[in-house]
């Protein structure tokens, strides 16, 4: 029996998320903006699996429908992920302004 690669990929995702340490909060915010793309990649992987299963495997159509349903649920995570970076930017607007639009000698605030 061959190796099913998805559990290993999921485990690596979990491990990467657990080890993730940005250099600073500005980088963290930039990385949050990439979350929708990560969720899209996962969704597209599920879609590819559903399509290949339909085209190449002798399975009952209900199996393909179940895979397609999982794909649709994962697609919903994209919209949720799209809200994260804007929330971060809104609630940390003043913090971000220190770097993005610093006042003269902003560093003197020693924050």
Foldseek 3Di string as FASTA:
>chain_A
DDDDCVVVVVVVVVVCVVPDDDPDVVVVLVVLQCVLVVLVVVLVVLVVVLVCCVVPPPDDVVVSVVSVVVSVVSNVVSVVSNVVSVVVCVVCVVVVCCPVPNDVPNCVVVD
